[in-house]
C-alpha atoms as a PDB file:
ATOM      1  CA  HIS A   1      90.451  45.374  95.013  1.00  0.00           C
ATOM      2  CA  HIS A   2      94.295  45.418  92.820  1.00  0.00           C
ATOM      3  CA  LEU A   3      92.999  42.254  91.536  1.00  0.00           C
ATOM      4  CA  LEU A   4      89.981  43.628  90.196  1.00  0.00           C
ATOM      5  CA  LEU A   5      91.536  46.863  88.814  1.00  0.00           C
ATOM      6  CA  GLU A   6      94.224  44.186  87.210  1.00  0.00           C
ATOM      7  CA  VAL A   7      91.452  42.607  85.313  1.00  0.00           C
ATOM      8  CA  VAL A   8      89.229  45.373  84.409  1.00  0.00           C
ATOM      9  CA  ASN A   9      92.609  47.077  82.852  1.00  0.00           C
ATOM     10  CA  GLU A  10      93.610  44.333  80.926  1.00  0.00           C
ATOM     11  CA  HIS A  11      90.318  42.626  79.622  1.00  0.00           C
ATOM     12  CA  ASN A  12      89.103  45.924  77.612  1.00  0.00           C
ATOM     13  CA  ASP A  13      87.850  43.966  74.458  1.00  0.00           C
ATOM     14  CA  LYS A  14      84.432  44.510  73.238  1.00  0.00           C
ATOM     15  CA  ILE A  15      81.574  41.781  74.432  1.00  0.00           C
ATOM     16  CA  TYR A  16      78.333  41.597  72.912  1.00  0.00           C
ATOM     17  CA  THR A  17      75.188  41.059  75.120  1.00  0.00           C
ATOM     18  CA  ASN A  18      72.707  41.101  71.887  1.00  0.00           C
ATOM     19  CA  ILE A  19      73.347  40.699  68.452  1.00  0.00           C
ATOM     20  CA  SER A  20      73.009  44.328  67.714  1.00  0.00           C
ATOM     21  CA  VAL A  21      76.663  46.097  67.321  1.00  0.00           C
ATOM     22  CA  TRP A  22      75.061  48.812  69.575  1.00  0.00           C
ATOM     23  CA  ASP A  23      74.987  46.430  72.559  1.00  0.00           C
ATOM     24  CA  ALA A  24      78.671  46.125  72.584  1.00  0.00           C
ATOM     25  CA  LYS A  25      80.214  46.538  76.024  1.00  0.00           C
ATOM     26  CA  GLU A  26      83.757  46.565  77.470  1.00  0.00           C
ATOM     27  CA  PHE A  27      84.300  43.585  79.372  1.00  0.00           C
ATOM     28  CA  GLY A  28      86.131  45.508  82.108  1.00  0.00           C
ATOM     29  CA  LYS A  29      82.692  48.036  82.465  1.00  0.00           C
ATOM     30  CA  LEU A  30      80.218  44.598  81.969  1.00  0.00           C
ATOM     31  CA  PHE A  31      82.430  42.750  84.924  1.00  0.00           C
ATOM     32  CA  LEU A  32      82.119  45.280  87.242  1.00  0.00           C
ATOM     33  CA  GLU A  33      78.389  45.934  86.830  1.00  0.00           C
ATOM     34  CA  GLN A  34      77.710  42.488  87.313  1.00  0.00           C
ATOM     35  CA  LEU A  35      79.735  42.302  90.346  1.00  0.00           C
ATOM     36  CA  GLN A  36      77.853  45.225  91.964  1.00  0.00           C
ATOM     37  CA  SER A  37      74.674  43.826  90.862  1.00  0.00           C
ATOM     38  CA  ARG A  38      75.312  40.254  92.422  1.00  0.00           C
ATOM     39  CA  ASN A  39      76.196  41.877  95.737  1.00  0.00           C
ATOM     40  CA  LEU A  40      73.231  44.062  95.624  1.00  0.00           C
ATOM     41  CA  LEU A  41      70.698  41.185  94.733  1.00  0.00           C
ATOM     42  CA  PHE A  42      72.271  38.985  97.280  1.00  0.00           C
ATOM     43  CA  GLY A  43      71.771  41.139  99.963  1.00  0.00           C
ATOM     44  CA  GLU A  44      68.321  41.728  99.274  1.00  0.00           C
ATOM     45  CA  LEU A  45      67.494  37.766  98.730  1.00  0.00           C
ATOM     46  CA  LEU A  46      69.147  37.291 102.042  1.00  0.00           C
ATOM     47  CA  THR A  47      67.318  40.115 103.888  1.00  0.00           C
ATOM     48  CA  GLU A  48      64.051  38.878 102.701  1.00  0.00           C
ATOM     49  CA  PHE A  49      65.290  34.936 103.800  1.00  0.00           C
ATOM     50  CA  SER A  50      66.130  36.157 107.187  1.00  0.00           C
ATOM     51  CA  LYS A  51      62.764  37.703 107.400  1.00  0.00           C
ATOM     52  CA  LEU A  52      60.979  34.328 106.528  1.00  0.00           C
ATOM     53  CA  ILE A  53      62.880  32.776 109.546  1.00  0.00           C
ATOM     54  CA  ASP A  54      62.533  35.547 111.880  1.00  0.00           C
ATOM     55  CA  PHE A  55      66.572  35.661 112.697  1.00  0.00           C
ATOM     56  CA  SER A  56      67.965  38.567 112.280  1.00  0.00           C
ATOM     57  CA  ASP A  57      71.875  37.875 112.309  1.00  0.00           C
ATOM     58  CA  LYS A  58      72.596  37.391 108.469  1.00  0.00           C
ATOM     59  CA  LYS A  59      76.028  36.385 109.245  1.00  0.00           C
ATOM     60  CA  ILE A  60      75.275  33.835 111.443  1.00  0.00           C
ATOM     61  CA  ILE A  61      72.579  32.696 108.397  1.00  0.00           C
ATOM     62  CA  GLN A  62      75.543  32.528 105.872  1.00  0.00           C
ATOM     63  CA  ARG A  63      77.947  30.552 108.184  1.00  0.00           C
ATOM     64  CA  ALA A  64      75.575  27.785 108.907  1.00  0.00           C
ATOM     65  CA  ALA A  65      74.386  27.535 105.335  1.00  0.00           C
ATOM     66  CA  ALA A  66      77.910  27.220 104.211  1.00  0.00           C
ATOM     67  CA  VAL A  67      79.055  24.799 106.984  1.00  0.00           C
ATOM     68  CA  GLN A  68      76.268  22.485 106.370  1.00  0.00           C
ATOM     69  CA  ALA A  69      77.134  22.653 102.613  1.00  0.00           C
ATOM     70  CA  LEU A  70      80.811  21.879 103.278  1.00  0.00           C
ATOM     71  CA  CYS A  71      79.937  18.860 105.574  1.00  0.00           C
ATOM     72  CA  SER A  72      77.437  17.517 103.318  1.00  0.00           C
ATOM     73  CA  VAL A  73      80.332  17.551 100.223  1.00  0.00           C
ATOM     74  CA  HIS A  74      83.323  16.508 102.241  1.00  0.00           C
ATOM     75  CA  LEU A  75      82.541  14.353 104.975  1.00  0.00           C
ATOM     76  CA  LYS A  76      81.268  10.752 104.788  1.00  0.00           C
ATOM     77  CA  ALA A  77      80.026   8.980 107.878  1.00  0.00           C
ATOM     78  CA  GLY A  78      82.809   6.429 108.950  1.00  0.00           C
ATOM     79  CA  ASP A  79      85.751   7.497 106.458  1.00  0.00           C
ATOM     80  CA  GLY A  80      87.804   9.569 109.207  1.00  0.00           C
ATOM     81  CA  ASN A  81      87.752  12.766 107.007  1.00  0.00           C
ATOM     82  CA  HIS A  82      87.725  15.864 108.637  1.00  0.00           C
ATOM     83  CA  ILE A  83      87.357  19.821 107.824  1.00  0.00           C
ATOM     84  CA  ASP A  84      89.774  22.378 109.045  1.00  0.00           C
ATOM     85  CA  PHE A  85      87.164  25.301 109.439  1.00  0.00           C
ATOM     86  CA  ILE A  86      90.179  27.703 110.348  1.00  0.00           C
ATOM     87  CA  GLY A  87      91.248  27.099 106.778  1.00  0.00           C
ATOM     88  CA  PHE A  88      87.940  28.224 105.214  1.00  0.00           C
ATOM     89  CA  SER A  89      87.813  31.979 106.566  1.00  0.00           C
ATOM     90  CA  SER A  90      85.750  32.921 103.417  1.00  0.00           C
ATOM     91  CA  THR A  91      83.508  29.618 103.550  1.00  0.00           C
ATOM     92  CA  ALA A  92      80.502  31.867 103.711  1.00  0.00           C
ATOM     93  CA  LEU A  93      81.560  33.880 100.582  1.00  0.00           C
ATOM     94  CA  TRP A  94      82.373  30.988  98.445  1.00  0.00           C
ATOM     95  CA  TYR A  95      79.097  29.304  99.083  1.00  0.00           C
ATOM     96  CA  GLN A  96      76.864  32.283  98.831  1.00  0.00           C
ATOM     97  CA  GLN A  97      78.346  33.285  95.013  1.00  0.00           C
ATOM     98  CA  GLU A  98      77.954  29.594  94.312  1.00  0.00           C
ATOM     99  CA  ILE A  99      74.168  29.488  95.067  1.00  0.00           C
ATOM    100  CA  LEU A 100      73.667  33.150  93.942  1.00  0.00           C
ATOM    101  CA  SER A 101      74.943  31.975  90.389  1.00  0.00           C
ATOM    102  CA  LEU A 102      73.143  28.557  90.284  1.00  0.00           C
ATOM    103  CA  VAL A 103      69.684  30.808  91.027  1.00  0.00           C
ATOM    104  CA  MET A 104      70.503  33.190  88.653  1.00  0.00           C
ATOM    105  CA  ARG A 105      71.297  30.711  85.719  1.00  0.00           C
ATOM    106  CA  VAL A 106      68.412  28.429  86.427  1.00  0.00           C
ATOM    107  CA  TYR A 107      66.068  31.391  86.928  1.00  0.00           C
ATOM    108  CA  CYS A 108      67.390  33.657  83.528  1.00  0.00           C
ATOM    109  CA  GLU A 109      68.203  30.385  81.228  1.00  0.00           C
ATOM    110  CA  ASP A 110      64.693  28.828  81.488  1.00  0.00           C
ATOM    111  CA  GLN A 111      63.081  32.144  80.071  1.00  0.00           C
ATOM    112  CA  LEU A 112      65.297  32.242  77.510  1.00  0.00           C
ATOM    113  CA  MET A 113      64.536  28.939  75.918  1.00  0.00           C
ATOM    114  CA  ASP A 114      62.322  30.622  73.433  1.00  0.00           C
ATOM    115  CA  ASN A 115      65.203  32.085  71.542  1.00  0.00           C
ATOM    116  CA  LEU A 116      66.723  28.364  70.862  1.00  0.00           C
ATOM    117  CA  ASP A 117      64.064  28.057  68.358  1.00  0.00           C
ATOM    118  CA  ARG A 118      65.809  26.937  65.049  1.00  0.00           C
ATOM    119  CA  GLY A 119      63.020  27.856  63.166  1.00  0.00           C
ATOM    120  CA  ASP A 120      63.180  31.658  63.971  1.00  0.00           C
ATOM    121  CA  TYR A 121      65.954  33.840  62.570  1.00  0.00           C
ATOM    122  CA  SER A 122      64.723  36.842  64.213  1.00  0.00           C
ATOM    123  CA  LYS A 123      65.417  35.456  67.824  1.00  0.00           C
ATOM    124  CA  PHE A 124      68.948  35.330  68.718  1.00  0.00           C
ATOM    125  CA  TYR A 125      70.141  33.394  72.051  1.00  0.00           C
ATOM    126  CA  VAL A 126      72.057  35.220  74.495  1.00  0.00           C
ATOM    127  CA  PRO A 127      73.768  33.205  77.514  1.00  0.00           C
ATOM    128  CA  SER A 128      72.251  34.538  80.738  1.00  0.00           C
ATOM    129  CA  ALA A 129      75.722  34.809  82.143  1.00  0.00           C
ATOM    130  CA  LEU A 130      76.078  38.378  80.366  1.00  0.00           C
ATOM    131  CA  GLN A 131      72.847  40.118  81.933  1.00  0.00           C
ATOM    132  CA  ASP A 132      71.775  37.775  84.788  1.00  0.00           C
ATOM    133  CA  ALA A 133      72.146  40.010  87.766  1.00  0.00           C
ATOM    134  CA  PRO A 134      70.713  43.017  86.437  1.00  0.00           C
ATOM    135  CA  LYS A 135      67.936  41.224  84.973  1.00  0.00           C
ATOM    136  CA  CYS A 136      67.267  39.293  88.249  1.00  0.00           C
ATOM    137  CA  ARG A 137      66.897  42.451  89.854  1.00  0.00           C
ATOM    138  CA  LYS A 138      64.646  44.284  87.519  1.00  0.00           C
ATOM    139  CA  ASP A 139      62.512  41.216  87.540  1.00  0.00           C
ATOM    140  CA  ILE A 140      62.344  41.536  91.510  1.00  0.00           C
ATOM    141  CA  GLU A 141      61.335  45.380  91.129  1.00  0.00           C
ATOM    142  CA  GLU A 142      58.700  45.055  88.503  1.00  0.00           C
ATOM    143  CA  LYS A 143      57.663  41.775  90.452  1.00  0.00           C
ATOM    144  CA  LYS A 144      57.636  39.690  87.130  1.00  0.00           C
ATOM    145  CA  THR A 145      55.259  36.549  86.919  1.00  0.00           C
ATOM    146  CA  ALA A 146      55.110  35.577  83.432  1.00  0.00           C
ATOM    147  CA  PRO A 147      57.129  32.654  82.069  1.00  0.00           C
ATOM    148  CA  SER A 148      58.141  32.310  78.168  1.00  0.00           C
ATOM    149  CA  ALA A 149      55.779  31.693  75.697  1.00  0.00           C
ATOM    150  CA  CYS A 150      57.218  28.691  74.923  1.00  0.00           C
ATOM    151  CA  ARG A 151      56.762  27.614  78.532  1.00  0.00           C
ATOM    152  CA  LYS A 152      52.892  28.685  78.258  1.00  0.00           C
ATOM    153  CA  HIS A 153      52.300  26.809  75.170  1.00  0.00           C
ATOM    154  CA  SER A 154      53.503  23.445  77.003  1.00  0.00           C
ATOM    155  CA  PHE A 155      50.656  24.185  79.882  1.00  0.00           C
ATOM    156  CA  GLU A 156      48.368  24.727  77.363  1.00  0.00           C
ATOM    157  CA  LYS A 157      48.957  21.356  75.575  1.00  0.00           C
ATOM    158  CA  LEU A 158      48.751  19.345  79.196  1.00  0.00           C
ATOM    159  CA  ILE A 159      45.622  21.260  80.244  1.00  0.00           C
ATOM    160  CA  ALA A 160      43.914  20.476  77.299  1.00  0.00           C
ATOM    161  CA  PHE A 161      45.161  16.677  77.392  1.00  0.00           C
ATOM    162  CA  LEU A 162      43.795  16.659  80.986  1.00  0.00           C
ATOM    163  CA  VAL A 163      40.115  18.506  80.610  1.00  0.00           C
ATOM    164  CA  ASN A 164      39.514  16.787  77.315  1.00  0.00           C
ATOM    165  CA  GLU A 165      35.725  15.671  77.908  1.00  0.00           C
ATOM    166  CA  LEU A 166      34.810  19.139  80.030  1.00  0.00           C
ATOM    167  CA  THR A 167      33.537  22.197  79.330  1.00  0.00           C
ATOM    168  CA  GLU A 168      35.289  25.776  79.938  1.00  0.00           C
ATOM    169  CA  ASP A 169      32.332  26.033  82.395  1.00  0.00           C
ATOM    170  CA  ASP A 170      33.823  23.021  84.182  1.00  0.00           C
ATOM    171  CA  TYR A 171      37.300  24.394  85.016  1.00  0.00           C
ATOM    172  CA  GLN A 172      39.341  27.719  85.837  1.00  0.00           C
ATOM    173  CA  VAL A 173      42.873  28.036  84.830  1.00  0.00           C
ATOM    174  CA  GLN A 174      45.677  30.342  87.201  1.00  0.00           C
ATOM    175  CA  GLY A 175      48.752  31.076  85.799  1.00  0.00           C
ATOM    176  CA  PRO A 176      50.948  29.623  84.604  1.00  0.00           C
ATOM    177  CA  VAL A 177      53.641  31.615  86.620  1.00  0.00           C
ATOM    178  CA  LEU A 178      57.481  31.758  87.289  1.00  0.00           C
ATOM    179  CA  LYS A 179      58.827  30.483  90.637  1.00  0.00           C
ATOM    180  CA  PRO A 180      59.750  33.728  92.244  1.00  0.00           C
ATOM    181  CA  LEU A 181      63.532  34.276  92.406  1.00  0.00           C
ATOM    182  CA  GLN A 182      63.384  34.760  96.361  1.00  0.00           C
ATOM    183  CA  SER A 183      61.207  31.097  96.646  1.00  0.00           C
ATOM    184  CA  LEU A 184      63.878  29.592  94.379  1.00  0.00           C
ATOM    185  CA  PHE A 185      67.008  31.142  96.529  1.00  0.00           C
ATOM    186  CA  ASN A 186      65.105  29.831  99.442  1.00  0.00           C
ATOM    187  CA  LYS A 187      64.601  26.352  98.258  1.00  0.00           C
ATOM    188  CA  MET A 188      68.332  26.203  97.310  1.00  0.00           C
ATOM    189  CA  PHE A 189      70.237  28.222 100.249  1.00  0.00           C
ATOM    190  CA  ILE A 190      69.178  26.130 103.287  1.00  0.00           C
ATOM    191  CA  ARG A 191      67.307  23.050 102.127  1.00  0.00           C
ATOM    192  CA  ARG A 192      67.565  19.347 102.202  1.00  0.00           C
ATOM    193  CA  GLY A 193      69.644  18.053  99.159  1.00  0.00           C
ATOM    194  CA  GLN A 194      70.971  21.379  98.130  1.00  0.00           C
ATOM    195  CA  THR A 195      74.498  19.859  97.733  1.00  0.00           C
ATOM    196  CA  ALA A 196      73.308  16.723  95.945  1.00  0.00           C
ATOM    197  CA  VAL A 197      72.030  16.544  92.492  1.00  0.00           C
ATOM    198  CA  SER A 198      68.637  17.548  92.597  1.00  0.00           C
ATOM    199  CA  VAL A 199      65.390  18.552  90.696  1.00  0.00           C
ATOM    200  CA  ILE A 200      63.578  21.877  90.980  1.00  0.00           C
ATOM    201  CA  GLY A 201      60.030  20.338  90.324  1.00  0.00           C
ATOM    202  CA  ASP A 202      57.854  23.496  90.273  1.00  0.00           C
ATOM    203  CA  MET A 203      60.302  26.065  88.212  1.00  0.00           C
ATOM    204  CA  THR A 204      57.019  27.348  86.334  1.00  0.00           C
ATOM    205  CA  ARG A 205      53.741  26.577  88.190  1.00  0.00           C
ATOM    206  CA  ALA A 206      49.813  26.716  87.249  1.00  0.00           C
ATOM    207  CA  THR A 207      47.003  25.488  88.601  1.00  0.00           C
ATOM    208  CA  LEU A 208      43.796  23.817  87.338  1.00  0.00           C
ATOM    209  CA  LEU A 209      40.646  24.263  89.360  1.00  0.00           C
ATOM    210  CA  VAL A 210      38.157  21.873  88.996  1.00  0.00           C
ATOM    211  CA  LYS A 211      34.584  22.877  89.900  1.00  0.00           C
ATOM    212  CA  ASN A 212      33.127  19.414  91.363  1.00  0.00           C
ATOM    213  CA  GLU A 213      34.595  16.499  92.884  1.00  0.00           C
ATOM    214  CA  LYS A 214      33.301  14.226  89.913  1.00  0.00           C
ATOM    215  CA  ASP A 215      35.218  16.187  87.646  1.00  0.00           C
ATOM    216  CA  LEU A 216      38.175  15.950  89.382  1.00  0.00           C
ATOM    217  CA  ARG A 217      38.306  11.942  89.838  1.00  0.00           C
ATOM    218  CA  GLY A 218      37.714  11.745  85.938  1.00  0.00           C
ATOM    219  CA  ILE A 219      41.035  14.091  85.444  1.00  0.00           C
ATOM    220  CA  VAL A 220      42.669  11.789  88.293  1.00  0.00           C
ATOM    221  CA  LYS A 221      41.517   8.598  86.359  1.00  0.00           C
ATOM    222  CA  ARG A 222      42.651   9.984  83.057  1.00  0.00           C
ATOM    223  CA  VAL A 223      46.335  10.524  84.593  1.00  0.00           C
ATOM    224  CA  GLU A 224      45.999   6.963  86.024  1.00  0.00           C
ATOM    225  CA  GLU A 225      45.197   5.118  82.675  1.00  0.00           C
ATOM    226  CA  ALA A 226      47.524   7.147  80.719  1.00  0.00           C
ATOM    227  CA  PHE A 227      50.553   6.973  82.828  1.00  0.00           C
ATOM    228  CA  PRO A 228      50.408   4.483  85.446  1.00  0.00           C
ATOM    229  CA  PHE A 229      53.749   4.262  86.564  1.00  0.00           C
ATOM    230  CA  ILE A 230      53.838   7.643  87.882  1.00  0.00           C
ATOM    231  CA  HIS A 231      50.935   7.624  90.195  1.00  0.00           C
ATOM    232  CA  GLY A 232      51.554   7.621  94.085  1.00  0.00           C
ATOM    233  CA  LYS A 233      54.946   5.992  93.547  1.00  0.00           C
ATOM    234  CA  GLY A 234      58.235   7.652  94.502  1.00  0.00           C
ATOM    235  CA  PHE A 235      60.421   9.137  91.788  1.00  0.00           C
ATOM    236  CA  GLN A 236      63.947   8.197  91.844  1.00  0.00           C
ATOM    237  CA  GLY A 237      65.616  11.542  91.136  1.00  0.00           C
ATOM    238  CA  PRO A 238      69.447  12.291  90.125  1.00  0.00           C
ATOM    239  CA  SER A 239      70.695  11.865  93.577  1.00  0.00           C
ATOM    240  CA  GLU A 240      69.229   8.342  94.382  1.00  0.00           C
ATOM    241  CA  VAL A 241      70.225   6.902  91.002  1.00  0.00           C
ATOM    242  CA  GLY A 242      72.675   9.047  89.477  1.00  0.00           C
ATOM    243  CA  VAL A 243      72.499  11.525  86.797  1.00  0.00           C
ATOM    244  CA  ASP A 244      73.197   8.857  83.595  1.00  0.00           C
ATOM    245  CA  THR A 245      70.451   6.215  85.022  1.00  0.00           C
ATOM    246  CA  PHE A 246      68.277   9.083  85.695  1.00  0.00           C
ATOM    247  CA  LEU A 247      68.459  10.581  82.182  1.00  0.00           C
ATOM    248  CA  HIS A 248      68.196   6.936  80.578  1.00  0.00           C
ATOM    249  CA  GLN A 249      64.744   6.479  82.711  1.00  0.00           C
ATOM    250  CA  VAL A 250      63.428   9.874  81.927  1.00  0.00           C
ATOM    251  CA  PHE A 251      64.053   8.975  78.321  1.00  0.00           C
ATOM    252  CA  LYS A 252      61.963   6.093  78.366  1.00  0.00           C
ATOM    253  CA  MET A 253      59.059   7.485  79.829  1.00  0.00           C
ATOM    254  CA  LYS A 254      55.688   8.271  77.846  1.00  0.00           C
ATOM    255  CA  LYS A 255      54.930  11.823  76.758  1.00  0.00           C
ATOM    256  CA  ILE A 256      51.817  13.975  76.397  1.00  0.00           C
ATOM    257  CA  PRO A 257      50.598  12.995  72.953  1.00  0.00           C
ATOM    258  CA  GLU A 258      51.719  15.290  70.316  1.00  0.00           C
ATOM    259  CA  SER A 259      54.034  17.167  73.149  1.00  0.00           C
ATOM    260  CA  ASP A 260      57.419  16.763  74.458  1.00  0.00           C
ATOM    261  CA  ILE A 261      55.500  16.801  77.898  1.00  0.00           C
ATOM    262  CA  ILE A 262      56.905  13.865  79.926  1.00  0.00           C
ATOM    263  CA  PRO A 263      54.999  13.480  83.079  1.00  0.00           C
ATOM    264  CA  TYR A 264      57.325  11.696  85.982  1.00  0.00           C
ATOM    265  CA  ARG A 265      55.290  12.174  89.237  1.00  0.00           C
ATOM    266  CA  PHE A 266      51.524  12.768  90.022  1.00  0.00           C
ATOM    267  CA  LYS A 267      50.397  12.363  93.691  1.00  0.00           C
ATOM    268  CA  ALA A 268      48.433  14.054  95.962  1.00  0.00           C
ATOM    269  CA  ASN A 269      49.548  16.922  97.810  1.00  0.00           C
ATOM    270  CA  SER A 270      51.041  16.728 100.933  1.00  0.00           C
ATOM    271  CA  SER A 271      48.539  18.887 102.574  1.00  0.00           C
ATOM    272  CA  GLN A 272      46.330  16.143 101.946  1.00  0.00           C
ATOM    273  CA  LYS A 273      47.676  13.442 104.095  1.00  0.00           C
ATOM    274  CA  LYS A 274      44.613  12.641 106.408  1.00  0.00           C
ATOM    275  CA  LYS A 275      42.283  12.373 103.098  1.00  0.00           C
ATOM    276  CA  MET A 276      45.133  10.375 100.983  1.00  0.00           C
ATOM    277  CA  ASP A 277      44.537   6.867 102.747  1.00  0.00           C
ATOM    278  CA  LYS A 278      40.605   6.960 102.118  1.00  0.00           C
ATOM    279  CA  GLY A 279      41.444   7.955  98.721  1.00  0.00           C
ATOM    280  CA  GLU A 280      39.286  11.229  98.936  1.00  0.00           C
ATOM    281  CA  ALA A 281      42.404  13.484  98.563  1.00  0.00           C
ATOM    282  CA  LEU A 282      40.960  17.099  96.503  1.00  0.00           C
ATOM    283  CA  LEU A 283      44.368  18.365  95.492  1.00  0.00           C
ATOM    284  CA  TYR A 284      47.131  16.544  93.329  1.00  0.00           C
ATOM    285  CA  ASN A 285      50.685  17.711  92.123  1.00  0.00           C
ATOM    286  CA  LEU A 286      51.548  16.889  88.448  1.00  0.00           C
ATOM    287  CA  ASN A 287      55.374  17.329  87.914  1.00  0.00           C
ATOM    288  CA  PHE A 288      56.420  17.009  84.408  1.00  0.00           C
ATOM    289  CA  PHE A 289      59.602  17.816  82.296  1.00  0.00           C
ATOM    290  CA  ASP A 290      59.164  19.815  79.088  1.00  0.00           C
ATOM    291  CA  GLY A 291      61.194  17.880  76.700  1.00  0.00           C
ATOM    292  CA  ILE A 292      64.961  17.225  77.811  1.00  0.00           C
ATOM    293  CA  PRO A 293      65.452  18.044  81.145  1.00  0.00           C
ATOM    294  CA  GLU A 294      66.957  21.223  81.836  1.00  0.00           C
ATOM    295  CA  TYR A 295      70.538  21.005  83.661  1.00  0.00           C
ATOM    296  CA  HIS A 296      72.906  23.483  85.404  1.00  0.00           C
ATOM    297  CA  ARG A 297      75.667  23.185  87.634  1.00  0.00           C
ATOM    298  CA  VAL A 298      77.816  25.741  89.474  1.00  0.00           C
ATOM    299  CA  GLY A 299      80.771  24.522  91.439  1.00  0.00           C
ATOM    300  CA  THR A 300      79.756  21.479  93.666  1.00  0.00           C
ATOM    301  CA  THR A 301      75.992  22.075  93.167  1.00  0.00           C
ATOM    302  CA  GLU A 302      73.683  20.635  90.159  1.00  0.00           C
ATOM    303  CA  MET A 303      70.148  21.182  89.517  1.00  0.00           C
ATOM    304  CA  PHE A 304      67.461  19.998  87.115  1.00  0.00           C
ATOM    305  CA  VAL A 305      64.242  21.774  86.242  1.00  0.00           C
ATOM    306  CA  ALA A 306      61.014  20.906  86.064  1.00  0.00           C
ATOM    307  CA  PHE A 307      57.283  21.936  85.910  1.00  0.00           C
ATOM    308  CA  GLU A 308      53.737  21.792  87.982  1.00  0.00           C
ATOM    309  CA  LEU A 309      50.305  21.797  87.408  1.00  0.00           C
ATOM    310  CA  GLN A 310      48.308  21.577  90.743  1.00  0.00           C
ATOM    311  CA  ILE A 311      44.752  20.097  90.215  1.00  0.00           C
ATOM    312  CA  GLY A 312      42.013  20.456  92.818  1.00  0.00           C
ATOM    313  CA  LEU A 313      39.382  21.895  94.314  1.00  0.00           C
ATOM    314  CA  GLU A 314      39.123  25.713  94.625  1.00  0.00           C
ATOM    315  CA  ALA A 315      38.575  25.432  98.554  1.00  0.00           C
ATOM    316  CA  GLU A 316      41.391  22.836  98.944  1.00  0.00           C
ATOM    317  CA  VAL A 317      43.941  25.355  97.049  1.00  0.00           C
ATOM    318  CA  ASN A 318      43.054  28.463  98.959  1.00  0.00           C
ATOM    319  CA  GLY A 319      43.413  26.569 102.175  1.00  0.00           C
ATOM    320  CA  LEU A 320      46.914  25.947 100.709  1.00  0.00           C
ATOM    321  CA  ARG A 321      47.801  29.280 100.312  1.00  0.00           C
ATOM    322  CA  VAL A 322      47.099  30.818 103.311  1.00  0.00           C
ATOM    323  CA  ASP A 323      49.169  28.151 105.252  1.00  0.00           C
ATOM    324  CA  HIS A 324      52.225  28.605 102.919  1.00  0.00           C
ATOM    325  CA  LEU A 325      54.407  30.943 104.442  1.00  0.00           C
ATOM    326  CA  ALA A 326      54.557  29.018 107.976  1.00  0.00           C
ATOM    327  CA  TYR A 327      54.987  25.792 105.762  1.00  0.00           C
ATOM    328  CA  GLU A 328      58.092  27.300 104.275  1.00  0.00           C
ATOM    329  CA  GLU A 329      59.595  28.772 107.464  1.00  0.00           C
ATOM    330  CA  GLY A 330      59.056  24.953 109.174  1.00  0.00           C
ATOM    331  CA  ARG A 331      60.834  23.585 106.015  1.00  0.00           C
ATOM    332  CA  ILE A 332      63.912  25.733 106.205  1.00  0.00           C
ATOM    333  CA  LEU A 333      64.456  25.357 110.102  1.00  0.00           C
ATOM    334  CA  ASN A 334      63.888  21.621 110.089  1.00  0.00           C
ATOM    335  CA  ALA A 335      66.835  21.304 107.278  1.00  0.00           C
ATOM    336  CA  GLN A 336      69.282  23.513 109.318  1.00  0.00           C
ATOM    337  CA  PRO A 337      69.597  22.531 112.950  1.00  0.00           C
ATOM    338  CA  LEU A 338      71.869  25.455 113.862  1.00  0.00           C
ATOM    339  CA  LEU A 339      69.396  28.071 113.166  1.00  0.00           C
ATOM    340  CA  LYS A 340      66.235  26.177 114.609  1.00  0.00           C
ATOM    341  CA  ALA A 341      68.169  25.943 117.915  1.00  0.00           C
END
């Protein structure tokens, strides 16, 4: 508390949260507002997370997540390292602040990409860190789902390429929608690879519902012919090949004509395992980067951002959504044995 008061009293400069001079705030006031909003936001996200896995003791959840993260970062098999957990009295606090910062940055920055448009001088880019926590809480309250206009336009270009020979009566588009803040938190807080360089493959998602199987097969064939190297193959992300090799790899990939869209993975949805071997899958995921891969790092955690278009028959998509909560819970518990036990 004394440290906070010292920071607030010493730094009384004005800071601008927008281009307007009327939006200037004292740093100390903004700092305290952000701190309060962050604490409230983390409490809300952790509460919903605990409900999802039906585990009420939130302190144990925090400790389990932090211990897993510490071990993943600092311990390697066979090199004799060890962690003195007594020396990490604030482990849970450290980890939750790191993950919360990354979640807010990924969520907010992606929506500000429109403001980096060099040709529109009426828009000004403001770093999300100046207002991210209040914005996140507001979006949760308002149940915001709409992505930026820039992102919507990219999905429209991708879908136009895929349905080139179809009429509007042959398909239906749902979305695009932002990945909910809660879902983003769940994915980063406890899941595989949360301490490695990872790719969030569905920061914004849309669904292309095709009316019949013949047209679906036509779209699949179009993707396979235009992008033969991404279909059904394991994508080597930054955690496997390193950030430098990963970026060079993406740089060499083909783009959707007349766009900056870079498809990097096309495969049958995991719900289609029984049908995959027979070549009868009815639901696919197409993941892509929208221009240069968006990159974020906070502390020891690094994240790239990508986007997803689901393509399939309506019945398959509806069935997947019914089973999603149970699937999400199972994934979390499989990644965290301490909570599963």
